[in-house]
């Protein structure tokens, strides 16, 4: 993993400066940041780890060795998003998208009928939409902080791809 900083040379030009290269023991497929002092990493360990970098220390294998948390999947984590206070993880073959609330430390789950491809959270954090390999968009209600359930409630499921006359593989895209 390479870590960069952005340096402003003058008003019209910015350059990336490679701060360090970190060789991790596991393959990292996904990274997300809160744009301040934390990064989340996911990959072949089947979990998402949150690393605090706010102490100004150099980012290296040692500083990444003790993550602050992990939420687990049964397959590799392929994609991560950091939206406000939420970290959203997308697995390779699981059908569940997981959303970690960094304030309450709760993990919410959103079950699709196929492997998820992408998703979006509304600005108020009340609804989550996810697309999956089955060609559907599923809209979920995010459980509130008082809710005992960790599972999002399906509000609507919409077919977003048309069936081809002659399919060209196992996926509808």
Protein backbone atom coordinates (compact mmCIF):
# COMPACT_ATOMS: atom_id res chain seq x y z
CA UNK A 1 0.00 0.00 0.00
CA UNK A 2 1.36 3.45 -0.87
CA UNK A 3 0.50 6.45 1.29
CA UNK A 4 0.58 9.89 -0.36
CA UNK A 5 0.22 13.49 0.70
CA UNK A 6 -0.93 16.32 -1.56
CA UNK A 7 1.48 19.23 -1.74
CA UNK A 8 0.48 22.58 -3.18
CA UNK A 9 3.34 24.00 -5.25
CA UNK A 10 1.48 27.15 -6.25
CA UNK A 11 -2.14 28.20 -6.74
CA UNK A 12 -2.54 26.25 -9.97
CA UNK A 13 -0.48 23.13 -9.32
CA UNK A 14 -0.73 20.29 -6.83
CA UNK A 15 1.52 17.25 -6.67
CA UNK A 16 1.34 13.90 -4.94
CA UNK A 17 4.25 13.09 -2.69
CA UNK A 18 4.76 9.43 -1.80
CA UNK A 19 5.18 9.40 1.97
CA UNK A 20 5.75 5.71 2.48
CA UNK A 21 5.14 2.24 1.10
CA UNK A 22 3.71 -0.23 3.59
CA UNK A 23 3.95 -3.96 2.91
CA UNK A 24 1.00 -5.60 4.62
CA UNK A 25 0.80 -9.31 5.45
CA UNK A 26 -2.63 -9.63 3.86
CA UNK A 27 -3.94 -8.47 0.53
CA UNK A 28 -5.91 -5.24 0.91
CA UNK A 29 -8.59 -4.72 -1.75
CA UNK A 30 -10.42 -1.80 -0.21
CA UNK A 31 -9.53 1.38 1.63
CA UNK A 32 -11.63 4.30 2.84
CA UNK A 33 -10.88 7.37 4.91
CA UNK A 34 -12.78 9.86 7.03
CA UNK A 35 -10.51 12.51 5.41
CA UNK A 36 -9.12 13.43 8.81
CA UNK A 37 -7.31 10.92 10.97
CA UNK A 38 -8.65 7.42 10.31
CA UNK A 39 -8.53 4.81 7.55
CA UNK A 40 -10.47 1.59 7.14
CA UNK A 41 -8.87 -1.40 5.39
CA UNK A 42 -10.54 -4.53 4.04
CA UNK A 43 -9.36 -7.53 2.05
CA UNK A 44 -8.49 -11.20 2.33
CA UNK A 45 -8.84 -11.22 6.12
CA UNK A 46 -12.65 -11.10 5.59
CA UNK A 47 -12.98 -8.11 7.90
CA UNK A 48 -12.74 -4.34 7.99
CA UNK A 49 -10.23 -2.79 10.37
CA UNK A 50 -10.23 0.84 11.48
CA UNK A 51 -6.86 2.49 12.08
CA UNK A 52 -6.36 5.75 13.96
CA UNK A 53 -3.66 7.94 12.42
CA UNK A 54 -4.34 11.18 14.29
CA UNK A 55 -1.31 11.14 16.55
CA UNK A 56 0.90 12.46 13.76
CA UNK A 57 3.04 9.33 13.69
CA UNK A 58 4.45 7.95 10.49
CA UNK A 59 2.14 5.52 8.76
CA UNK A 60 3.85 2.15 8.58
CA UNK A 61 3.38 -1.54 9.27
CA UNK A 62 3.72 -0.89 13.01
CA UNK A 63 1.05 1.83 13.10
CA UNK A 64 -1.31 -0.43 11.13
CA UNK A 65 -0.64 -3.49 13.32
CA UNK A 66 -3.27 -2.73 15.98
CA UNK A 67 -6.61 -1.80 14.43
CA UNK A 68 -9.24 -0.13 16.55
CA UNK A 69 -12.05 -2.44 15.42
CA UNK A 70 -13.04 -5.09 12.96
CA UNK A 71 -16.36 -6.17 11.54
CA UNK A 72 -16.42 -9.56 9.90
CA UNK A 73 -17.59 -11.10 6.63
CA UNK A 74 -17.43 -14.69 5.37
CA UNK A 75 -15.59 -13.65 2.18
CA UNK A 76 -13.06 -11.01 1.11
CA UNK A 77 -14.01 -7.35 1.41
CA UNK A 78 -13.97 -5.89 -2.12
CA UNK A 79 -15.16 -2.30 -1.61
CA UNK A 80 -15.45 0.24 1.20
CA UNK A 81 -17.19 3.60 1.49
CA UNK A 82 -16.94 6.10 4.32
CA UNK A 83 -20.06 8.27 4.41
CA UNK A 84 -20.28 10.67 7.35
CA UNK A 85 -20.11 8.51 10.46
CA UNK A 86 -20.70 5.22 8.59
CA UNK A 87 -18.23 2.77 7.06
CA UNK A 88 -19.93 0.55 4.48
CA UNK A 89 -18.33 -2.75 3.44
CA UNK A 90 -19.13 -4.81 0.34
CA UNK A 91 -18.08 -8.47 0.33
CA UNK A 92 -16.92 -10.52 -2.64
CA UNK A 93 -19.47 -13.34 -2.40
CA UNK A 94 -21.60 -12.70 0.72
CA UNK A 95 -25.04 -11.26 0.03
CA UNK A 96 -24.92 -8.88 3.03
CA UNK A 97 -23.63 -5.33 2.93
CA UNK A 98 -22.52 -4.20 6.39
CA UNK A 99 -22.55 -0.65 7.74
CA UNK A 100 -20.55 0.28 10.83
CA UNK A 101 -21.65 3.34 12.81
CA UNK A 102 -18.45 4.94 14.14
CA UNK A 103 -20.37 6.86 16.84
CA UNK A 104 -22.48 4.05 18.34
CA UNK A 105 -20.18 1.16 17.25
CA UNK A 106 -23.22 -0.78 15.97
CA UNK A 107 -23.05 -2.87 12.80
CA UNK A 108 -26.12 -2.87 10.54
CA UNK A 109 -26.69 -5.49 7.84
CA UNK A 110 -28.51 -5.25 4.51
CA UNK A 111 -29.33 -8.59 2.87
CA UNK A 112 -29.43 -8.72 -0.94
CA UNK A 113 -30.50 -11.71 -3.05
CA UNK A 114 -27.13 -11.76 -4.87
CA UNK A 115 -23.62 -10.39 -4.36
CA UNK A 116 -23.78 -6.61 -3.89
CA UNK A 117 -22.00 -4.34 -6.37
CA UNK A 118 -22.48 -0.81 -5.01
CA UNK A 119 -24.63 1.28 -2.74
CA UNK A 120 -25.51 4.73 -1.48
CA UNK A 121 -26.65 6.17 1.81
CA UNK A 122 -29.08 9.10 1.88
CA UNK A 123 -27.72 12.33 3.46
CA UNK A 124 -29.74 11.86 6.66
CA UNK A 125 -28.60 8.25 7.12
CA UNK A 126 -32.16 6.90 7.10
CA UNK A 127 -32.15 4.91 3.83
CA UNK A 128 -29.58 2.74 2.09
CA UNK A 129 -29.81 1.59 -1.54
CA UNK A 130 -27.80 -1.33 -2.91
CA UNK A 131 -27.38 -2.87 -6.36
CA UNK A 132 -26.53 -6.55 -6.80
CA UNK A 133 -25.48 -9.02 -9.49
CA UNK A 134 -29.09 -10.16 -9.93
CA UNK A 135 -29.84 -6.80 -11.61
CA UNK A 136 -31.94 -5.40 -8.77
CA UNK A 137 -31.78 -2.19 -6.76
CA UNK A 138 -32.93 -2.72 -3.18
CA UNK A 139 -33.86 0.21 -0.93
CA UNK A 140 -33.60 -0.40 2.81
CA UNK A 141 -34.67 1.54 5.90
CA UNK A 142 -31.64 1.87 8.19
CA UNK A 143 -32.42 0.76 11.77
CA UNK A 144 -32.39 3.68 14.21
CA UNK A 145 -30.18 3.82 17.29
CA UNK A 146 -32.97 2.60 19.59
CA UNK A 147 -33.80 -0.39 17.37
CA UNK A 148 -32.90 -3.83 18.67
CA UNK A 149 -32.67 -5.21 15.13
CA UNK A 150 -29.42 -4.87 13.22
CA UNK A 151 -31.05 -5.69 9.87
CA UNK A 152 -32.25 -3.06 7.43
CA UNK A 153 -35.90 -3.35 6.40
CA UNK A 154 -36.55 -3.68 2.66
CA UNK A 155 -38.67 -0.77 1.46
CA UNK A 156 -38.61 -1.54 -2.26
CA UNK A 157 -36.89 -3.87 -4.70
CA UNK A 158 -36.64 -2.74 -8.34
CA UNK A 159 -35.41 -4.61 -11.42
CA UNK A 160 -32.94 -2.22 -13.07
CA UNK A 161 -31.71 -4.33 -15.99
CA UNK A 162 -33.77 -5.79 -18.79
CA UNK A 163 -33.59 -9.48 -19.57
CA UNK A 164 -31.62 -10.08 -22.77
CA UNK A 165 -33.11 -12.20 -25.56
CA UNK A 166 -29.89 -14.22 -25.68
CA UNK A 167 -28.06 -14.19 -22.35
CA UNK A 168 -24.27 -13.82 -22.62
CA UNK A 169 -23.25 -15.40 -19.32
CA UNK A 170 -24.43 -15.88 -15.78
CA UNK A 171 -24.80 -12.15 -14.99
CA UNK A 172 -27.61 -10.00 -16.42
CA UNK A 173 -25.31 -7.05 -17.26
